[in-house]
């Protein structure tokens, strides 16, 4: 299984094609938009690995933006005892949820791609009133 290590939002993520993950918010994007990550630190599969210094030039990862949203509220509560001093604050971090579509090597060859799943429709026979009699 092919993988890549991408850098975005000051963090590094090991990704595989078809994987869904939360990253720091990518602003000014609408759902179902295509995203290209060009800061690839490493990529490879079970047999060989290509490591950059610090990035692999020419390699890229394509992803689709699923949604931009906010995480659950993190409460910050500060209390100074015997001073009747309390402070309650909350924070909701914004994130982008993405789905990895393709991983490209440095020469532009596709290493892995998401398979398109086609739903098979089962045909069932529906009995009519005349057939029931």
N, C-alpha and C. Protein backbone atom coordinates (compact mmCIF):
# COMPACT_ATOMS: atom_id res chain seq x y z
N UNK A 1 0.84 -1.18 0.00
CA UNK A 1 0.00 0.00 0.00
C UNK A 1 0.89 1.24 0.00
N UNK A 2 0.65 2.14 -0.93
CA UNK A 2 1.44 3.35 -1.04
C UNK A 2 1.00 4.37 -0.01
N UNK A 3 1.97 5.16 0.44
CA UNK A 3 1.69 6.21 1.41
C UNK A 3 2.52 7.44 1.06
N UNK A 4 2.18 8.54 1.70
CA UNK A 4 2.95 9.78 1.56
C UNK A 4 2.90 10.52 2.88
N UNK A 5 3.94 11.29 3.16
CA UNK A 5 3.98 12.14 4.35
C UNK A 5 3.88 13.57 3.85
N UNK A 6 2.77 14.24 4.18
CA UNK A 6 2.55 15.62 3.73
C UNK A 6 2.69 16.56 4.90
N UNK A 7 2.95 17.81 4.58
CA UNK A 7 3.05 18.85 5.60
C UNK A 7 2.05 19.95 5.26
N UNK A 8 1.17 20.24 6.23
CA UNK A 8 0.19 21.31 6.06
C UNK A 8 -0.22 21.83 7.42
N UNK A 9 -0.39 23.12 7.52
CA UNK A 9 -0.81 23.73 8.78
C UNK A 9 0.21 23.57 9.89
N UNK A 10 1.49 23.44 9.56
CA UNK A 10 2.53 23.29 10.57
C UNK A 10 2.60 21.89 11.15
N UNK A 11 1.86 20.94 10.58
CA UNK A 11 1.85 19.57 11.07
C UNK A 11 2.17 18.62 9.92
N UNK A 12 2.56 17.40 10.28
CA UNK A 12 2.87 16.38 9.28
C UNK A 12 1.89 15.22 9.43
N UNK A 13 1.44 14.69 8.30
CA UNK A 13 0.47 13.61 8.29
C UNK A 13 0.94 12.50 7.35
N UNK A 14 0.83 11.26 7.80
CA UNK A 14 1.07 10.11 6.92
C UNK A 14 -0.28 9.73 6.33
N UNK A 15 -0.40 9.79 5.00
CA UNK A 15 -1.68 9.58 4.34
C UNK A 15 -1.60 8.44 3.34
N UNK A 16 -2.74 7.81 3.11
CA UNK A 16 -2.92 6.79 2.09
C UNK A 16 -4.10 7.20 1.23
N UNK A 17 -4.19 6.68 0.02
CA UNK A 17 -5.31 7.05 -0.84
C UNK A 17 -6.60 6.46 -0.28
N UNK A 18 -7.65 7.25 -0.32
CA UNK A 18 -8.94 6.84 0.21
C UNK A 18 -9.14 7.20 1.67
N UNK A 19 -8.10 7.73 2.32
CA UNK A 19 -8.18 8.04 3.75
C UNK A 19 -8.86 9.39 3.96
N UNK A 20 -9.65 9.49 5.04
CA UNK A 20 -10.31 10.74 5.41
C UNK A 20 -9.66 11.24 6.69
N UNK A 21 -9.25 12.52 6.71
CA UNK A 21 -8.62 13.05 7.91
C UNK A 21 -8.94 14.51 8.12
N UNK A 22 -8.76 14.94 9.38
CA UNK A 22 -8.98 16.33 9.76
C UNK A 22 -7.63 17.04 9.79
N UNK A 23 -7.58 18.19 9.12
CA UNK A 23 -6.36 19.00 9.13
C UNK A 23 -6.73 20.41 9.54
N UNK A 24 -5.73 21.25 9.75
CA UNK A 24 -5.99 22.65 10.05
C UNK A 24 -6.79 23.26 8.90
N UNK A 25 -7.63 24.23 9.22
CA UNK A 25 -8.57 24.77 8.23
C UNK A 25 -7.85 25.38 7.04
N UNK A 26 -8.33 25.01 5.86
CA UNK A 26 -7.87 25.60 4.62
C UNK A 26 -8.91 26.64 4.25
N UNK A 27 -8.55 27.90 4.30
CA UNK A 27 -9.53 28.97 4.10
C UNK A 27 -9.86 29.17 2.63
N UNK A 28 -10.98 29.82 2.41
CA UNK A 28 -11.45 30.20 1.07
C UNK A 28 -11.63 29.01 0.14
N UNK A 29 -12.10 27.89 0.67
CA UNK A 29 -12.38 26.73 -0.16
C UNK A 29 -13.82 26.30 0.06
N UNK A 30 -14.44 25.81 -0.97
CA UNK A 30 -15.81 25.33 -0.88
C UNK A 30 -15.79 23.81 -0.92
N UNK A 31 -16.83 23.15 -0.36
CA UNK A 31 -16.87 21.69 -0.39
C UNK A 31 -16.77 21.14 -1.81
N UNK A 32 -16.17 19.94 -1.93
CA UNK A 32 -15.92 19.24 -3.20
C UNK A 32 -14.88 19.94 -4.06
N UNK A 33 -14.08 20.84 -3.46
CA UNK A 33 -13.00 21.49 -4.19
C UNK A 33 -11.77 20.58 -4.18
N UNK A 34 -10.98 20.66 -5.23
CA UNK A 34 -9.75 19.87 -5.33
C UNK A 34 -8.62 20.63 -4.64
N UNK A 35 -7.81 19.89 -3.86
CA UNK A 35 -6.68 20.46 -3.15
C UNK A 35 -5.43 19.70 -3.56
N UNK A 36 -4.33 20.43 -3.81
CA UNK A 36 -3.05 19.80 -4.12
C UNK A 36 -2.07 20.14 -3.02
N UNK A 37 -1.46 19.11 -2.45
CA UNK A 37 -0.40 19.30 -1.46
C UNK A 37 0.92 19.06 -2.16
N UNK A 38 1.78 20.08 -2.19
CA UNK A 38 3.07 19.95 -2.88
C UNK A 38 4.23 19.80 -1.91
N UNK A 39 3.98 20.00 -0.62
CA UNK A 39 5.03 19.81 0.37
C UNK A 39 5.01 18.35 0.83
N UNK A 40 5.62 17.49 0.03
CA UNK A 40 5.68 16.06 0.32
C UNK A 40 7.05 15.77 0.92
N UNK A 41 7.08 15.25 2.15
CA UNK A 41 8.35 14.98 2.82
C UNK A 41 8.90 13.61 2.45
N UNK A 42 8.00 12.64 2.20
CA UNK A 42 8.41 11.29 1.81
C UNK A 42 7.22 10.59 1.17
N UNK A 43 7.52 9.59 0.35
CA UNK A 43 6.48 8.73 -0.19
C UNK A 43 7.10 7.38 -0.49
N UNK A 44 6.23 6.38 -0.63
CA UNK A 44 6.74 5.05 -0.95
C UNK A 44 5.68 3.99 -0.76
N UNK A 45 6.15 2.74 -0.76
CA UNK A 45 5.28 1.60 -0.52
C UNK A 45 6.05 0.58 0.30
N UNK A 46 5.63 -0.67 0.26
CA UNK A 46 6.26 -1.70 1.09
C UNK A 46 7.72 -1.95 0.72
N UNK A 47 8.09 -1.75 -0.54
CA UNK A 47 9.42 -2.13 -1.00
C UNK A 47 10.43 -0.97 -1.07
N UNK A 48 9.99 0.18 -1.57
CA UNK A 48 10.95 1.28 -1.69
C UNK A 48 10.33 2.58 -1.18
N UNK A 49 11.21 3.45 -0.66
CA UNK A 49 10.79 4.71 -0.06
C UNK A 49 11.65 5.83 -0.63
N UNK A 50 11.02 6.94 -0.95
CA UNK A 50 11.72 8.14 -1.41
C UNK A 50 11.59 9.20 -0.33
N UNK A 51 12.72 9.66 0.20
CA UNK A 51 12.72 10.65 1.27
C UNK A 51 13.34 11.93 0.75
N UNK A 52 12.69 13.06 1.01
CA UNK A 52 13.17 14.34 0.54
C UNK A 52 14.13 14.99 1.52
N UNK A 53 14.75 16.07 1.05
CA UNK A 53 15.65 16.82 1.94
C UNK A 53 15.41 18.32 1.73
N UNK A 54 14.48 18.97 2.34
CA UNK A 54 13.43 18.49 3.22
C UNK A 54 12.19 18.01 2.48
N UNK A 55 11.97 18.45 1.22
CA UNK A 55 10.78 17.98 0.49
C UNK A 55 11.22 17.30 -0.80
N UNK A 56 10.34 16.47 -1.33
CA UNK A 56 10.56 15.81 -2.61
C UNK A 56 9.97 16.70 -3.68
N UNK A 57 10.81 17.27 -4.53
CA UNK A 57 10.31 18.18 -5.57
C UNK A 57 9.65 17.36 -6.68
N UNK A 58 8.49 17.82 -7.12
CA UNK A 58 7.76 17.16 -8.18
C UNK A 58 6.67 16.23 -7.68
N UNK A 59 6.78 15.74 -6.46
CA UNK A 59 5.76 14.85 -5.91
C UNK A 59 4.59 15.69 -5.41
N UNK A 60 3.39 15.10 -5.47
CA UNK A 60 2.22 15.82 -4.97
C UNK A 60 1.14 14.83 -4.57
N UNK A 61 0.19 15.33 -3.79
CA UNK A 61 -0.95 14.55 -3.34
C UNK A 61 -2.21 15.35 -3.66
N UNK A 62 -3.19 14.70 -4.29
CA UNK A 62 -4.46 15.35 -4.59
C UNK A 62 -5.51 14.88 -3.59
N UNK A 63 -6.34 15.82 -3.16
CA UNK A 63 -7.40 15.50 -2.20
C UNK A 63 -8.64 16.30 -2.53
N UNK A 64 -9.77 15.86 -1.99
CA UNK A 64 -11.04 16.58 -2.12
C UNK A 64 -11.43 17.11 -0.76
N UNK A 65 -11.90 18.34 -0.72
CA UNK A 65 -12.38 18.93 0.52
C UNK A 65 -13.81 18.44 0.76
N UNK A 66 -14.02 17.82 1.92
CA UNK A 66 -15.36 17.33 2.25
C UNK A 66 -16.15 18.44 2.92
N UNK A 67 -15.56 19.05 3.97
CA UNK A 67 -16.26 20.15 4.64
C UNK A 67 -15.29 20.94 5.50
N UNK A 68 -15.66 22.19 5.79
CA UNK A 68 -15.00 23.03 6.78
C UNK A 68 -15.93 23.12 7.96
N UNK A 69 -15.41 22.91 9.17
CA UNK A 69 -16.26 22.88 10.35
C UNK A 69 -15.46 23.28 11.57
N UNK A 70 -16.11 23.20 12.74
CA UNK A 70 -15.45 23.49 14.02
C UNK A 70 -15.52 22.25 14.90
N UNK A 71 -14.48 22.03 15.70
CA UNK A 71 -14.45 20.93 16.66
C UNK A 71 -15.38 21.23 17.82
N UNK A 72 -15.50 20.27 18.75
CA UNK A 72 -16.27 20.48 19.95
C UNK A 72 -15.60 21.54 20.81
N UNK A 73 -16.37 22.15 21.70
CA UNK A 73 -15.86 23.22 22.55
C UNK A 73 -14.90 22.68 23.60
N UNK A 74 -13.77 23.34 23.72
CA UNK A 74 -12.82 23.05 24.78
C UNK A 74 -12.99 24.15 25.82
N UNK A 75 -13.32 23.78 27.06
CA UNK A 75 -13.54 24.77 28.11
C UNK A 75 -12.25 25.07 28.84
N UNK A 76 -12.00 26.35 29.06
CA UNK A 76 -10.86 26.81 29.84
C UNK A 76 -11.44 27.46 31.09
N UNK A 77 -11.16 26.90 32.24
CA UNK A 77 -11.70 27.42 33.50
C UNK A 77 -10.54 27.73 34.43
N UNK A 78 -10.45 29.01 34.85
CA UNK A 78 -9.39 29.42 35.77
C UNK A 78 -10.03 29.92 37.06
N UNK A 79 -9.47 29.49 38.16
CA UNK A 79 -10.01 29.88 39.47
C UNK A 79 -8.85 30.18 40.40
N UNK A 80 -8.96 31.32 41.06
CA UNK A 80 -7.97 31.66 42.08
C UNK A 80 -8.68 31.50 43.43
N UNK A 81 -8.26 30.54 44.20
CA UNK A 81 -8.97 30.25 45.45
C UNK A 81 -8.84 31.39 46.45
N UNK A 82 -9.90 31.54 47.18
CA UNK A 82 -10.03 32.56 48.23
C UNK A 82 -9.93 34.00 47.72
N UNK A 83 -10.07 34.20 46.43
CA UNK A 83 -10.07 35.56 45.88
C UNK A 83 -11.38 35.89 45.18
N UNK A 84 -12.33 34.95 45.17
CA UNK A 84 -13.60 35.11 44.47
C UNK A 84 -13.36 35.50 43.01
N UNK A 85 -12.37 34.83 42.42
CA UNK A 85 -12.00 35.13 41.05
C UNK A 85 -12.14 33.87 40.21
N UNK A 86 -13.01 33.93 39.21
CA UNK A 86 -13.20 32.82 38.30
C UNK A 86 -13.30 33.34 36.88
N UNK A 87 -12.80 32.55 35.95
CA UNK A 87 -12.92 32.91 34.55
C UNK A 87 -13.22 31.65 33.75
N UNK A 88 -14.27 31.69 32.98
CA UNK A 88 -14.64 30.56 32.14
C UNK A 88 -14.60 31.02 30.69
N UNK A 89 -13.89 30.27 29.88
CA UNK A 89 -13.73 30.63 28.49
C UNK A 89 -13.84 29.36 27.64
N UNK A 90 -14.23 29.48 26.41
CA UNK A 90 -14.35 28.33 25.53
C UNK A 90 -13.66 28.60 24.21
N UNK A 91 -13.28 27.51 23.53
CA UNK A 91 -12.60 27.65 22.25
C UNK A 91 -13.03 26.51 21.32
N UNK A 92 -13.35 26.85 20.08
CA UNK A 92 -13.69 25.85 19.07
C UNK A 92 -12.72 26.00 17.91
N UNK A 93 -11.84 25.02 17.75
CA UNK A 93 -10.84 25.06 16.69
C UNK A 93 -11.48 24.69 15.36
N UNK A 94 -11.16 25.45 14.33
CA UNK A 94 -11.69 25.16 13.00
C UNK A 94 -10.81 24.11 12.32
N UNK A 95 -11.45 23.28 11.50
CA UNK A 95 -10.71 22.24 10.78
C UNK A 95 -11.32 22.04 9.40
N UNK A 96 -10.56 21.38 8.54
CA UNK A 96 -11.05 20.97 7.24
C UNK A 96 -10.98 19.45 7.18
N UNK A 97 -12.04 18.82 6.70
CA UNK A 97 -12.04 17.38 6.54
C UNK A 97 -11.80 17.09 5.06
N UNK A 98 -10.77 16.28 4.78
CA UNK A 98 -10.39 16.00 3.40
C UNK A 98 -10.35 14.50 3.15
N UNK A 99 -10.48 14.13 1.87
CA UNK A 99 -10.32 12.73 1.45
C UNK A 99 -9.21 12.68 0.41
N UNK A 100 -8.21 11.84 0.66
CA UNK A 100 -7.06 11.72 -0.22
C UNK A 100 -7.48 10.93 -1.47
N UNK A 101 -7.23 11.48 -2.65
CA UNK A 101 -7.61 10.84 -3.90
C UNK A 101 -6.43 10.14 -4.59
N UNK A 102 -5.34 10.87 -4.86
CA UNK A 102 -4.22 10.32 -5.61
C UNK A 102 -2.90 10.73 -4.97
N UNK A 103 -1.91 9.86 -5.12
CA UNK A 103 -0.54 10.16 -4.69
C UNK A 103 0.34 10.03 -5.92
N UNK A 104 1.07 11.11 -6.25
CA UNK A 104 1.94 11.14 -7.42
C UNK A 104 3.40 11.08 -6.97
N UNK A 105 4.24 10.40 -7.75
CA UNK A 105 5.67 10.37 -7.47
C UNK A 105 6.33 11.62 -8.06
N UNK A 106 7.64 11.74 -7.88
CA UNK A 106 8.32 12.96 -8.34
C UNK A 106 8.39 13.06 -9.85
N UNK A 107 8.26 11.95 -10.58
CA UNK A 107 8.26 12.01 -12.04
C UNK A 107 6.86 12.07 -12.63
N UNK A 108 5.83 12.24 -11.78
CA UNK A 108 4.46 12.43 -12.24
C UNK A 108 3.66 11.16 -12.39
N UNK A 109 4.24 10.02 -12.04
CA UNK A 109 3.53 8.74 -12.14
C UNK A 109 2.60 8.58 -10.94
N UNK A 110 1.41 8.02 -11.17
CA UNK A 110 0.45 7.82 -10.08
C UNK A 110 0.86 6.58 -9.29
N UNK A 111 1.12 6.76 -7.99
CA UNK A 111 1.47 5.63 -7.13
C UNK A 111 0.23 4.90 -6.64
N UNK A 112 -0.77 5.65 -6.21
CA UNK A 112 -2.01 5.02 -5.76
C UNK A 112 -3.17 5.96 -6.02
N UNK A 113 -4.32 5.34 -6.23
CA UNK A 113 -5.52 6.10 -6.57
C UNK A 113 -6.72 5.41 -5.92
N UNK A 114 -7.73 6.19 -5.58
CA UNK A 114 -8.94 5.64 -4.98
C UNK A 114 -9.74 4.93 -6.05
N UNK A 115 -10.18 3.71 -5.72
CA UNK A 115 -11.00 2.97 -6.67
C UNK A 115 -12.41 3.52 -6.64
N UNK A 116 -12.98 3.63 -7.80
CA UNK A 116 -14.37 4.07 -7.88
C UNK A 116 -15.25 2.87 -7.60
N UNK A 117 -16.09 2.97 -6.58
CA UNK A 117 -16.97 1.88 -6.22
C UNK A 117 -18.32 2.10 -6.88
N UNK A 118 -18.75 1.10 -7.62
CA UNK A 118 -20.04 1.16 -8.28
C UNK A 118 -20.98 0.24 -7.51
N UNK A 119 -22.06 0.79 -7.06
CA UNK A 119 -23.03 0.00 -6.29
C UNK A 119 -23.81 -0.90 -7.24
N UNK A 120 -23.83 -2.17 -6.91
CA UNK A 120 -24.59 -3.10 -7.72
C UNK A 120 -26.03 -3.12 -7.23
N UNK A 121 -26.95 -3.08 -8.17
CA UNK A 121 -28.36 -3.04 -7.84
C UNK A 121 -28.91 -4.46 -7.95
N UNK A 122 -29.53 -4.92 -6.88
CA UNK A 122 -30.16 -6.24 -6.90
C UNK A 122 -31.56 -6.11 -7.48
N UNK A 123 -31.86 -7.01 -8.38
CA UNK A 123 -33.20 -7.00 -8.97
C UNK A 123 -34.05 -8.03 -8.23
N UNK A 124 -35.14 -7.57 -7.70
CA UNK A 124 -36.06 -8.47 -7.00
C UNK A 124 -37.41 -8.40 -7.68
N UNK A 125 -38.07 -9.51 -7.67
CA UNK A 125 -39.39 -9.57 -8.30
C UNK A 125 -40.44 -9.22 -7.26
N UNK A 126 -41.27 -8.28 -7.59
CA UNK A 126 -42.33 -7.84 -6.70
C UNK A 126 -43.62 -8.55 -7.12
N UNK A 127 -44.22 -9.19 -6.18
CA UNK A 127 -45.46 -9.94 -6.48
C UNK A 127 -46.62 -8.96 -6.59
N UNK A 128 -47.41 -9.14 -7.61
CA UNK A 128 -48.59 -8.30 -7.79
C UNK A 128 -49.79 -8.97 -7.13
N UNK A 129 -50.91 -8.27 -7.10
CA UNK A 129 -52.13 -8.79 -6.48
C UNK A 129 -52.65 -10.02 -7.22
N UNK A 130 -52.51 -10.02 -8.54
CA UNK A 130 -53.00 -11.14 -9.32
C UNK A 130 -52.19 -12.41 -9.08
N UNK A 131 -50.87 -12.27 -8.86
CA UNK A 131 -50.01 -13.42 -8.63
C UNK A 131 -50.21 -14.02 -7.25
N UNK A 132 -50.65 -13.22 -6.29
CA UNK A 132 -50.88 -13.70 -4.93
C UNK A 132 -52.11 -14.60 -4.86
N UNK A 133 -53.07 -14.40 -5.75
CA UNK A 133 -54.34 -15.16 -5.72
C UNK A 133 -54.21 -16.54 -6.22
